[in-house]
Amino acid sequence: MIHEILPVGALQCNCSIFGDETTREAIVIDPGDDIAAIQAILDRHALKVTAIVITHAHIDHIGGAAKLKKATGAPVHMNRDDQLLYDHLDMQAGWLRMETPERTSIDTEARDGDSLKLAGCDFHVLHTPGHTQGSLCLWIPTEKKLIAGDTLFRDSVGRTDLPGGNTRQLFSSIKDKLYPLPEETVVIPGHGPETTMGREKERNPFLRDL
């Protein structure tokens, strides 16, 4: 399976592009910005986007969703508990002193236990509230990869001091949803370098009490 990670926007959100080498279908996760660069990767691999998945509705992860949907016609998947955050995209833009990006409708509610399929692989939706109420991760067992959004980072965890954040929920989500994953699972966080579940269990200072 094709998998390219492109840091996009001012906050360098990790946008993941997964592609099926046979059908040329693709899933794009967290197109926060730089849609031209994302489209260039899609064009290079001759990929057609069949789903746009948002791990949470912070502007750096969802800011380019409307442009990508307009360019590809692909539906946008997001957990409904982040709709209020998305409704206040202008407020988020104000925090960062940037122009408010275009908004789009959410086509499909991404619920815990749902899955998307690409290249014979299941992308399982794990609802992991804490960083935001609608935060989710995508677990791809055949690839042994976790797209973690801003729930878990290398040596850190998602912040909970923004609207919708809840520290207790965040740690419960990590313990209940992420800890059961195999130690060798490669974790692609929303920002920064990748890691593994085993490494974070052993070394992440925020997880010592878990």
C-alpha atoms as a PDB file:
ATOM      1  CA  MET A   1       0.000   0.000   0.000  1.00  0.00           C
ATOM      2  CA  ILE A   2       1.139   3.527  -0.764  1.00  0.00           C
ATOM      3  CA  HIS A   3       1.502   5.696   2.348  1.00  0.00           C
ATOM      4  CA  GLU A   4       2.921   9.201   2.205  1.00  0.00           C
ATOM      5  CA  ILE A   5       3.022  11.608   5.146  1.00  0.00           C
ATOM      6  CA  LEU A   6       3.041  15.314   4.344  1.00  0.00           C
ATOM      7  CA  PRO A   7       3.399  17.957   7.080  1.00  0.00           C
ATOM      8  CA  VAL A   8       1.003  20.738   6.095  1.00  0.00           C
ATOM      9  CA  GLY A   9       0.196  24.262   7.207  1.00  0.00           C
ATOM     10  CA  ALA A  10       1.772  26.610   9.712  1.00  0.00           C
ATOM     11  CA  LEU A  11       1.556  24.013  12.503  1.00  0.00           C
ATOM     12  CA  GLN A  12       2.917  21.195  10.300  1.00  0.00           C
ATOM     13  CA  CYS A  13       0.042  18.773  10.792  1.00  0.00           C
ATOM     14  CA  ASN A  14       0.889  15.289   9.520  1.00  0.00           C
ATOM     15  CA  CYS A  15      -1.468  14.617   6.620  1.00  0.00           C
ATOM     16  CA  SER A  16      -1.497  10.926   5.645  1.00  0.00           C
ATOM     17  CA  ILE A  17      -2.243   9.816   2.097  1.00  0.00           C
ATOM     18  CA  PHE A  18      -2.972   6.097   1.685  1.00  0.00           C
ATOM     19  CA  GLY A  19      -3.335   4.618  -1.799  1.00  0.00           C
ATOM     20  CA  ASP A  20      -4.259   1.273  -3.320  1.00  0.00           C
ATOM     21  CA  GLU A  21      -1.678   0.388  -5.984  1.00  0.00           C
ATOM     22  CA  THR A  22      -4.229  -1.717  -7.873  1.00  0.00           C
ATOM     23  CA  THR A  23      -7.477   0.267  -7.827  1.00  0.00           C
ATOM     24  CA  ARG A  24      -5.698   3.650  -7.443  1.00  0.00           C
ATOM     25  CA  GLU A  25      -8.228   4.627  -4.776  1.00  0.00           C
ATOM     26  CA  ALA A  26      -7.036   6.727  -1.837  1.00  0.00           C
ATOM     27  CA  ILE A  27      -7.904   7.886   1.653  1.00  0.00           C
ATOM     28  CA  VAL A  28      -6.601  11.259   2.839  1.00  0.00           C
ATOM     29  CA  ILE A  29      -6.427  11.888   6.576  1.00  0.00           C
ATOM     30  CA  ASP A  30      -6.218  15.396   8.068  1.00  0.00           C
ATOM     31  CA  PRO A  31      -5.794  17.675   5.025  1.00  0.00           C
ATOM     32  CA  GLY A  32      -5.239  20.747   7.170  1.00  0.00           C
ATOM     33  CA  ASP A  33      -3.723  22.940   4.451  1.00  0.00           C
ATOM     34  CA  ASP A  34      -1.443  22.907   1.399  1.00  0.00           C
ATOM     35  CA  ILE A  35      -4.019  21.187  -0.797  1.00  0.00           C
ATOM     36  CA  ALA A  36      -1.915  21.775  -3.916  1.00  0.00           C
ATOM     37  CA  ALA A  37       0.906  19.731  -2.375  1.00  0.00           C
ATOM     38  CA  ILE A  38      -1.532  16.974  -1.396  1.00  0.00           C
ATOM     39  CA  GLN A  39      -2.964  16.979  -4.924  1.00  0.00           C
ATOM     40  CA  ALA A  40       0.548  16.721  -6.359  1.00  0.00           C
ATOM     41  CA  ILE A  41       1.119  13.489  -4.417  1.00  0.00           C
ATOM     42  CA  LEU A  42      -2.246  12.150  -5.550  1.00  0.00           C
ATOM     43  CA  ASP A  43      -1.416  13.011  -9.162  1.00  0.00           C
ATOM     44  CA  ARG A  44       2.048  11.455  -8.969  1.00  0.00           C
ATOM     45  CA  HIS A  45       0.516   8.140  -7.926  1.00  0.00           C
ATOM     46  CA  ALA A  46      -2.564   8.573 -10.160  1.00  0.00           C
ATOM     47  CA  LEU A  47      -4.836   8.252  -7.114  1.00  0.00           C
ATOM     48  CA  LYS A  48      -8.537   9.065  -6.799  1.00  0.00           C
ATOM     49  CA  VAL A  49      -9.689  10.078  -3.316  1.00  0.00           C
ATOM     50  CA  THR A  50     -12.645   8.062  -2.030  1.00  0.00           C
ATOM     51  CA  ALA A  51     -12.671   9.361   1.552  1.00  0.00           C
ATOM     52  CA  ILE A  52     -11.388  12.348   3.527  1.00  0.00           C
ATOM     53  CA  VAL A  53     -11.070  11.528   7.225  1.00  0.00           C
ATOM     54  CA  ILE A  54     -10.668  14.135   9.965  1.00  0.00           C
ATOM     55  CA  THR A  55      -9.168  13.009  13.288  1.00  0.00           C
ATOM     56  CA  HIS A  56     -10.540  16.129  15.009  1.00  0.00           C
ATOM     57  CA  ALA A  57     -11.876  19.531  14.073  1.00  0.00           C
ATOM     58  CA  HIS A  58      -8.973  21.789  15.006  1.00  0.00           C
ATOM     59  CA  ILE A  59      -8.185  24.122  12.129  1.00  0.00           C
ATOM     60  CA  ASP A  60      -4.728  22.685  11.455  1.00  0.00           C
ATOM     61  CA  HIS A  61      -6.294  19.264  10.752  1.00  0.00           C
ATOM     62  CA  ILE A  62      -9.509  20.239   8.961  1.00  0.00           C
ATOM     63  CA  GLY A  63      -8.728  23.614   7.394  1.00  0.00           C
ATOM     64  CA  GLY A  64      -8.225  22.255   3.878  1.00  0.00           C
ATOM     65  CA  ALA A  65     -11.059  19.712   3.869  1.00  0.00           C
ATOM     66  CA  ALA A  66     -13.450  21.916   1.905  1.00  0.00           C
ATOM     67  CA  LYS A  67     -10.879  22.573  -0.840  1.00  0.00           C
ATOM     68  CA  LEU A  68      -9.940  18.899  -1.117  1.00  0.00           C
ATOM     69  CA  LYS A  69     -13.593  17.855  -1.229  1.00  0.00           C
ATOM     70  CA  LYS A  70     -14.252  20.399  -3.975  1.00  0.00           C
ATOM     71  CA  ALA A  71     -11.248  19.158  -5.951  1.00  0.00           C
ATOM     72  CA  THR A  72     -11.970  15.432  -5.592  1.00  0.00           C
ATOM     73  CA  GLY A  73     -15.665  15.040  -4.790  1.00  0.00           C
ATOM     74  CA  ALA A  74     -14.763  12.721  -1.919  1.00  0.00           C
ATOM     75  CA  PRO A  75     -16.967  12.628   1.214  1.00  0.00           C
ATOM     76  CA  VAL A  76     -15.690  13.995   4.514  1.00  0.00           C
ATOM     77  CA  HIS A  77     -15.797  11.720   7.577  1.00  0.00           C
ATOM     78  CA  MET A  78     -15.683  13.203  11.102  1.00  0.00           C
ATOM     79  CA  ASN A  79     -17.047  12.380  14.537  1.00  0.00           C
ATOM     80  CA  ARG A  80     -20.156  14.450  15.243  1.00  0.00           C
ATOM     81  CA  ASP A  81     -18.936  15.425  18.723  1.00  0.00           C
ATOM     82  CA  ASP A  82     -16.533  17.871  17.038  1.00  0.00           C
ATOM     83  CA  GLN A  83     -19.208  19.611  14.979  1.00  0.00           C
ATOM     84  CA  LEU A  84     -19.363  22.543  17.414  1.00  0.00           C
ATOM     85  CA  LEU A  85     -15.616  23.061  17.070  1.00  0.00           C
ATOM     86  CA  TYR A  86     -15.940  23.041  13.302  1.00  0.00           C
ATOM     87  CA  ASP A  87     -18.841  25.484  13.501  1.00  0.00           C
ATOM     88  CA  HIS A  88     -16.465  27.915  15.231  1.00  0.00           C
ATOM     89  CA  LEU A  89     -13.650  27.667  12.690  1.00  0.00           C
ATOM     90  CA  ASP A  90     -13.568  31.466  12.593  1.00  0.00           C
ATOM     91  CA  MET A  91     -12.765  31.561  16.305  1.00  0.00           C
ATOM     92  CA  GLN A  92      -9.948  29.069  15.797  1.00  0.00           C
ATOM     93  CA  ALA A  93      -8.581  31.172  12.949  1.00  0.00           C
ATOM     94  CA  GLY A  94      -8.608  34.148  15.298  1.00  0.00           C
ATOM     95  CA  TRP A  95      -6.462  32.279  17.827  1.00  0.00           C
ATOM     96  CA  LEU A  96      -3.810  31.797  15.145  1.00  0.00           C
ATOM     97  CA  ARG A  97      -4.343  35.202  13.491  1.00  0.00           C
ATOM     98  CA  MET A  98      -5.025  33.596  10.146  1.00  0.00           C
ATOM     99  CA  GLU A  99      -7.755  33.852   7.547  1.00  0.00           C
ATOM    100  CA  THR A 100     -10.789  31.635   8.147  1.00  0.00           C
ATOM    101  CA  PRO A 101     -10.753  28.784   5.620  1.00  0.00           C
ATOM    102  CA  GLU A 102     -13.819  27.686   3.700  1.00  0.00           C
ATOM    103  CA  ARG A 103     -16.070  25.194   5.512  1.00  0.00           C
ATOM    104  CA  THR A 104     -17.901  22.193   4.101  1.00  0.00           C
ATOM    105  CA  SER A 105     -20.625  19.857   5.262  1.00  0.00           C
ATOM    106  CA  ILE A 106     -19.637  16.610   6.993  1.00  0.00           C
ATOM    107  CA  ASP A 107     -20.919  13.773   4.831  1.00  0.00           C
ATOM    108  CA  THR A 108     -20.399  10.784   7.106  1.00  0.00           C
ATOM    109  CA  GLU A 109     -20.348  10.480  10.883  1.00  0.00           C
ATOM    110  CA  ALA A 110     -17.221   8.600  11.938  1.00  0.00           C
ATOM    111  CA  ARG A 111     -18.284   6.502  14.924  1.00  0.00           C
ATOM    112  CA  ASP A 112     -16.347   4.219  17.226  1.00  0.00           C
ATOM    113  CA  GLY A 113     -16.267   0.762  15.668  1.00  0.00           C
ATOM    114  CA  ASP A 114     -16.816   1.966  12.105  1.00  0.00           C
ATOM    115  CA  SER A 115     -14.315   1.006   9.435  1.00  0.00           C
ATOM    116  CA  LEU A 116     -13.256   2.082   5.975  1.00  0.00           C
ATOM    117  CA  LYS A 117     -11.646  -0.295   3.501  1.00  0.00           C
ATOM    118  CA  LEU A 118      -8.744   0.328   1.132  1.00  0.00           C
ATOM    119  CA  ALA A 119      -6.512  -2.167  -0.676  1.00  0.00           C
ATOM    120  CA  GLY A 120      -8.134  -5.002   1.252  1.00  0.00           C
ATOM    121  CA  CYS A 121      -7.179  -3.317   4.543  1.00  0.00           C
ATOM    122  CA  ASP A 122      -9.599  -2.139   7.207  1.00  0.00           C
ATOM    123  CA  PHE A 123      -9.163   1.315   8.721  1.00  0.00           C
ATOM    124  CA  HIS A 124     -10.875   0.958  12.108  1.00  0.00           C
ATOM    125  CA  VAL A 125     -12.261   4.089  13.763  1.00  0.00           C
ATOM    126  CA  LEU A 126     -11.364   4.411  17.451  1.00  0.00           C
ATOM    127  CA  HIS A 127     -13.197   7.250  19.216  1.00  0.00           C
ATOM    128  CA  THR A 128     -10.605   8.719  21.600  1.00  0.00           C
ATOM    129  CA  PRO A 129     -12.074  11.829  23.272  1.00  0.00           C
ATOM    130  CA  GLY A 130      -9.847  13.990  25.415  1.00  0.00           C
ATOM    131  CA  HIS A 131      -7.920  16.347  23.165  1.00  0.00           C
ATOM    132  CA  THR A 132     -11.346  17.210  21.757  1.00  0.00           C
ATOM    133  CA  GLN A 133     -14.685  15.520  22.294  1.00  0.00           C
ATOM    134  CA  GLY A 134     -14.750  14.082  18.793  1.00  0.00           C
ATOM    135  CA  SER A 135     -11.102  13.044  18.536  1.00  0.00           C
ATOM    136  CA  LEU A 136     -10.511   9.745  16.796  1.00  0.00           C
ATOM    137  CA  CYS A 137      -7.660   7.489  15.753  1.00  0.00           C
ATOM    138  CA  LEU A 138      -7.480   5.070  12.830  1.00  0.00           C
ATOM    139  CA  TRP A 139      -6.083   1.586  13.443  1.00  0.00           C
ATOM    140  CA  ILE A 140      -4.915  -0.378  10.393  1.00  0.00           C
ATOM    141  CA  PRO A 141      -4.134  -3.921  11.608  1.00  0.00           C
ATOM    142  CA  THR A 142      -2.693  -5.301   8.377  1.00  0.00           C
ATOM    143  CA  GLU A 143      -0.239  -2.395   8.215  1.00  0.00           C
ATOM    144  CA  LYS A 144       0.316  -2.338  11.990  1.00  0.00           C
ATOM    145  CA  LYS A 145      -0.147   1.423  11.895  1.00  0.00           C
ATOM    146  CA  LEU A 146      -2.117   3.847  14.047  1.00  0.00           C
ATOM    147  CA  ILE A 147      -3.006   7.308  12.809  1.00  0.00           C
ATOM    148  CA  ALA A 148      -3.227   8.943  16.220  1.00  0.00           C
ATOM    149  CA  GLY A 149      -4.317  12.499  15.504  1.00  0.00           C
ATOM    150  CA  ASP A 150      -3.434  14.637  18.513  1.00  0.00           C
ATOM    151  CA  THR A 151      -4.219  11.919  21.067  1.00  0.00           C
ATOM    152  CA  LEU A 152      -0.706  10.479  21.398  1.00  0.00           C
ATOM    153  CA  PHE A 153       2.705  11.807  20.388  1.00  0.00           C
ATOM    154  CA  ARG A 154       6.284  10.644  20.685  1.00  0.00           C
ATOM    155  CA  ASP A 155       7.085  11.402  24.373  1.00  0.00           C
ATOM    156  CA  SER A 156       3.880  13.393  24.840  1.00  0.00           C
ATOM    157  CA  VAL A 157       0.079  13.434  24.672  1.00  0.00           C
ATOM    158  CA  GLY A 158      -2.531  15.810  23.301  1.00  0.00           C
ATOM    159  CA  ARG A 159      -3.173  19.062  25.125  1.00  0.00           C
ATOM    160  CA  THR A 160      -6.463  19.391  26.974  1.00  0.00           C
ATOM    161  CA  ASP A 161      -6.569  23.114  27.764  1.00  0.00           C
ATOM    162  CA  LEU A 162      -8.532  24.113  24.651  1.00  0.00           C
ATOM    163  CA  PRO A 163     -12.351  24.054  24.324  1.00  0.00           C
ATOM    164  CA  GLY A 164     -13.584  20.466  24.424  1.00  0.00           C
ATOM    165  CA  GLY A 165     -10.446  19.150  26.093  1.00  0.00           C
ATOM    166  CA  ASN A 166     -10.651  16.804  29.086  1.00  0.00           C
ATOM    167  CA  THR A 167      -7.548  15.336  30.737  1.00  0.00           C
ATOM    168  CA  ARG A 168      -9.319  12.418  32.411  1.00  0.00           C
ATOM    169  CA  GLN A 169     -10.942  11.414  29.132  1.00  0.00           C
ATOM    170  CA  LEU A 170      -7.662  11.653  27.257  1.00  0.00           C
ATOM    171  CA  PHE A 171      -5.860   9.209  29.532  1.00  0.00           C
ATOM    172  CA  SER A 172      -8.864   6.891  29.604  1.00  0.00           C
ATOM    173  CA  SER A 173      -8.899   6.881  25.808  1.00  0.00           C
ATOM    174  CA  ILE A 174      -5.200   6.042  25.627  1.00  0.00           C
ATOM    175  CA  LYS A 175      -5.493   3.292  28.226  1.00  0.00           C
ATOM    176  CA  ASP A 176      -8.711   1.726  26.897  1.00  0.00           C
ATOM    177  CA  LYS A 177      -8.268   2.128  23.128  1.00  0.00           C
ATOM    178  CA  LEU A 178      -4.545   2.393  22.399  1.00  0.00           C
ATOM    179  CA  TYR A 179      -2.817   0.303  25.070  1.00  0.00           C
ATOM    180  CA  PRO A 180      -4.395  -2.960  23.802  1.00  0.00           C
ATOM    181  CA  LEU A 181      -2.727  -2.484  20.388  1.00  0.00           C
ATOM    182  CA  PRO A 182       0.409  -4.537  19.612  1.00  0.00           C
ATOM    183  CA  GLU A 183       3.692  -3.170  20.961  1.00  0.00           C
ATOM    184  CA  GLU A 184       5.129  -2.975  17.438  1.00  0.00           C
ATOM    185  CA  THR A 185       2.296  -0.746  16.200  1.00  0.00           C
ATOM    186  CA  VAL A 186       3.756   2.262  14.378  1.00  0.00           C
ATOM    187  CA  VAL A 187       2.126   5.431  15.696  1.00  0.00           C
ATOM    188  CA  ILE A 188       1.838   8.363  13.293  1.00  0.00           C
ATOM    189  CA  PRO A 189       0.893  11.346  15.465  1.00  0.00           C
ATOM    190  CA  GLY A 190      -0.770  14.530  14.325  1.00  0.00           C
ATOM    191  CA  HIS A 191       2.532  16.395  14.545  1.00  0.00           C
ATOM    192  CA  GLY A 192       6.155  15.392  14.773  1.00  0.00           C
ATOM    193  CA  PRO A 193       7.988  12.079  14.330  1.00  0.00           C
ATOM    194  CA  GLU A 194       6.440   8.627  14.375  1.00  0.00           C
ATOM    195  CA  THR A 195       6.924   6.230  17.271  1.00  0.00           C
ATOM    196  CA  THR A 196       5.624   2.834  18.433  1.00  0.00           C
ATOM    197  CA  MET A 197       3.146   1.813  21.104  1.00  0.00           C
ATOM    198  CA  GLY A 198       5.863  -0.181  22.876  1.00  0.00           C
ATOM    199  CA  ARG A 199       8.192   2.796  23.010  1.00  0.00           C
ATOM    200  CA  GLU A 200       5.538   5.110  24.401  1.00  0.00           C
ATOM    201  CA  LYS A 201       4.476   2.638  27.084  1.00  0.00           C
ATOM    202  CA  GLU A 202       8.102   2.412  28.176  1.00  0.00           C
ATOM    203  CA  ARG A 203       9.360   5.968  27.765  1.00  0.00           C
ATOM    204  CA  ASN A 204       6.491   8.469  27.556  1.00  0.00           C
ATOM    205  CA  PRO A 205       6.635  10.415  30.856  1.00  0.00           C
ATOM    206  CA  PHE A 206       2.916  11.293  30.637  1.00  0.00           C
ATOM    207  CA  LEU A 207       1.928   7.626  30.632  1.00  0.00           C
ATOM    208  CA  ARG A 208       3.823   6.417  33.694  1.00  0.00           C
ATOM    209  CA  ASP A 209       0.710   6.260  35.858  1.00  0.00           C
ATOM    210  CA  LEU A 210      -1.106   4.095  33.287  1.00  0.00           C
END
